[in-house]
């Protein structure tokens, strides 16, 4: 009963402000104010105010709002993490299909090592053991400059 009275008072005040605004020849603004001021009395007449008043004092309703808030928070966090990953859903699906059809990274890695005498010629074994740039001296001048800078 009191909620409906408050709604009626708010609507009457809004209509009064709209009348004063219309008197000042600001008809468009007065129309908008009148429209907003009729909303509370309309809600009271439809029974929405009574429903809201019962919901506002119900612990079960507040628990439901809390659960909805947690669900919305989880949804937003999952969307943020999804966007941060940088891949769209379609790209992830294609990457998963490609990974399923792909072989192991190094299929021969689990095979035992045969060593130099295990059927491989000695020249190939030596070539595999030596780096390809063995003849070129490595340039450590930038590392030396950093060490000198720090007094090492």
Protein backbone atom coordinates (compact mmCIF):
# COMPACT_ATOMS: atom_id res chain seq x y z
CA UNK A 1 0.00 0.00 0.00
CA UNK A 2 2.78 2.41 0.89
CA UNK A 3 4.74 1.54 -2.26
CA UNK A 4 1.77 2.44 -4.44
CA UNK A 5 1.38 5.74 -2.61
CA UNK A 6 5.03 6.59 -3.14
CA UNK A 7 4.71 5.75 -6.84
CA UNK A 8 1.66 8.00 -7.14
CA UNK A 9 3.48 10.86 -5.41
CA UNK A 10 6.53 10.49 -7.67
CA UNK A 11 4.30 10.48 -10.75
CA UNK A 12 2.41 13.59 -9.56
CA UNK A 13 5.68 15.41 -8.90
CA UNK A 14 7.00 14.45 -12.32
CA UNK A 15 3.84 15.65 -14.04
CA UNK A 16 4.15 18.95 -12.15
CA UNK A 17 7.73 19.38 -13.35
CA UNK A 18 6.58 18.55 -16.88
CA UNK A 19 3.86 21.24 -16.66
CA UNK A 20 6.39 23.86 -15.53
CA UNK A 21 8.74 22.82 -18.36
CA UNK A 22 5.91 23.10 -20.90
CA UNK A 23 5.05 26.55 -19.52
CA UNK A 24 8.64 27.57 -20.37
CA UNK A 25 8.00 26.55 -24.00
CA UNK A 26 10.24 23.48 -23.88
CA UNK A 27 7.62 21.06 -25.15
CA UNK A 28 9.91 18.21 -26.24
CA UNK A 29 11.60 18.09 -22.83
CA UNK A 30 8.23 18.36 -21.09
CA UNK A 31 6.94 15.40 -23.08
CA UNK A 32 9.95 13.28 -22.07
CA UNK A 33 9.54 14.22 -18.39
CA UNK A 34 5.82 13.37 -18.52
CA UNK A 35 6.61 9.99 -20.07
CA UNK A 36 9.17 9.16 -17.36
CA UNK A 37 6.83 10.35 -14.60
CA UNK A 38 4.01 8.05 -15.74
CA UNK A 39 6.20 4.92 -15.44
CA UNK A 40 5.99 4.56 -11.60
CA UNK A 41 2.20 4.81 -11.46
CA UNK A 42 1.92 2.39 -14.40
CA UNK A 43 4.11 -0.13 -12.58
CA UNK A 44 2.02 0.26 -9.42
CA UNK A 45 -1.20 -0.29 -11.34
CA UNK A 46 0.07 -3.47 -13.00
CA UNK A 47 1.18 -5.03 -9.71
CA UNK A 48 4.90 -5.02 -10.49
CA UNK A 49 5.58 -2.84 -7.45
CA UNK A 50 3.93 -5.35 -5.14
CA UNK A 51 5.96 -8.17 -6.67
CA UNK A 52 9.19 -6.17 -6.32
CA UNK A 53 8.36 -5.31 -2.71
CA UNK A 54 7.89 -8.99 -1.88
CA UNK A 55 11.05 -9.93 -3.74
CA UNK A 56 13.16 -7.25 -2.06
CA UNK A 57 12.50 -8.71 1.39
CA UNK A 58 12.87 -12.37 0.42
CA UNK A 59 16.16 -14.09 1.36
CA UNK A 60 15.56 -16.74 -1.29
CA UNK A 61 15.27 -14.09 -3.98
CA UNK A 62 18.52 -12.47 -2.85
CA UNK A 63 20.26 -15.84 -2.90
CA UNK A 64 18.98 -16.32 -6.44
CA UNK A 65 20.35 -12.91 -7.44
CA UNK A 66 23.69 -13.93 -5.90
CA UNK A 67 23.77 -17.14 -7.92
CA UNK A 68 22.94 -15.20 -11.08
CA UNK A 69 25.73 -12.73 -10.31
CA UNK A 70 28.25 -15.56 -9.85
CA UNK A 71 27.13 -17.13 -13.14
CA UNK A 72 27.52 -13.81 -14.95
CA UNK A 73 30.96 -13.30 -13.40
CA UNK A 74 32.10 -16.76 -14.48
CA UNK A 75 30.80 -16.11 -17.98
CA UNK A 76 32.65 -12.81 -18.22
CA UNK A 77 35.90 -14.33 -16.91
CA UNK A 78 35.71 -17.18 -19.39
CA UNK A 79 35.08 -14.72 -22.25
CA UNK A 80 38.04 -12.59 -21.17
CA UNK A 81 40.35 -15.60 -21.02
CA UNK A 82 39.03 -16.81 -24.38
CA UNK A 83 39.74 -13.46 -26.01
CA UNK A 84 43.17 -13.27 -24.40
CA UNK A 85 44.18 -16.60 -25.89
CA UNK A 86 44.08 -14.92 -29.30
CA UNK A 87 42.53 -17.81 -31.20
CA UNK A 88 38.95 -17.98 -32.30
CA UNK A 89 36.82 -21.03 -31.76
CA UNK A 90 37.18 -22.02 -35.42
CA UNK A 91 40.99 -21.69 -35.30
CA UNK A 92 41.19 -23.85 -32.15
CA UNK A 93 39.02 -26.50 -33.79
CA UNK A 94 41.25 -26.54 -36.89
CA UNK A 95 44.39 -26.71 -34.75
CA UNK A 96 42.97 -29.67 -32.83
CA UNK A 97 42.18 -31.49 -36.08
CA UNK A 98 45.69 -30.81 -37.38
CA UNK A 99 47.26 -32.03 -34.13
CA UNK A 100 45.23 -35.24 -34.22
CA UNK A 101 46.52 -36.09 -37.71
CA UNK A 102 50.12 -35.12 -37.02
CA UNK A 103 52.87 -37.64 -36.17
CA UNK A 104 55.15 -37.43 -33.16
CA UNK A 105 57.63 -34.56 -33.06
CA UNK A 106 60.67 -36.86 -33.29
CA UNK A 107 59.54 -40.36 -34.24
CA UNK A 108 63.08 -41.75 -34.13
CA UNK A 109 63.83 -40.28 -30.71
CA UNK A 110 62.78 -43.42 -28.88
CA UNK A 111 64.96 -45.67 -31.05
CA UNK A 112 68.16 -46.83 -29.32
CA UNK A 113 71.41 -45.25 -30.36
CA UNK A 114 73.61 -47.57 -32.40
CA UNK A 115 76.86 -45.65 -32.04
CA UNK A 116 79.64 -45.40 -34.64
CA UNK A 117 79.97 -49.14 -35.28
CA UNK A 118 76.27 -49.90 -35.58
CA UNK A 119 76.06 -49.92 -39.34
CA UNK A 120 76.70 -46.23 -39.98
CA UNK A 121 79.97 -45.34 -41.71
CA UNK A 122 82.55 -43.59 -39.53
CA UNK A 123 82.63 -40.50 -41.78
CA UNK A 124 78.91 -39.97 -41.32
CA UNK A 125 79.25 -40.41 -37.55
CA UNK A 126 82.03 -37.80 -37.38
CA UNK A 127 80.03 -35.38 -39.56
CA UNK A 128 77.00 -35.79 -37.36
CA UNK A 129 79.07 -35.23 -34.21
CA UNK A 130 80.66 -32.01 -35.49
CA UNK A 131 78.64 -28.83 -35.86
CA UNK A 132 78.20 -27.53 -39.41
CA UNK A 133 80.03 -24.28 -38.68
CA UNK A 134 83.06 -25.98 -37.11
CA UNK A 135 85.48 -24.27 -39.48
CA UNK A 136 84.25 -20.73 -38.67
CA UNK A 137 85.36 -19.08 -35.44
CA UNK A 138 82.44 -17.92 -33.28
CA UNK A 139 82.05 -14.22 -32.57
CA UNK A 140 81.87 -13.53 -28.84
CA UNK A 141 82.67 -9.82 -29.06
CA UNK A 142 79.25 -8.73 -27.87
CA UNK A 143 79.46 -11.05 -24.87
CA UNK A 144 82.96 -9.79 -24.07
CA UNK A 145 81.70 -6.18 -24.24
CA UNK A 146 78.93 -6.96 -21.76
CA UNK A 147 81.36 -8.68 -19.41
CA UNK A 148 83.82 -5.77 -19.59
CA UNK A 149 81.01 -3.32 -18.94
CA UNK A 150 80.19 -5.13 -15.70
CA UNK A 151 83.86 -5.47 -14.71
CA UNK A 152 84.11 -9.19 -15.11
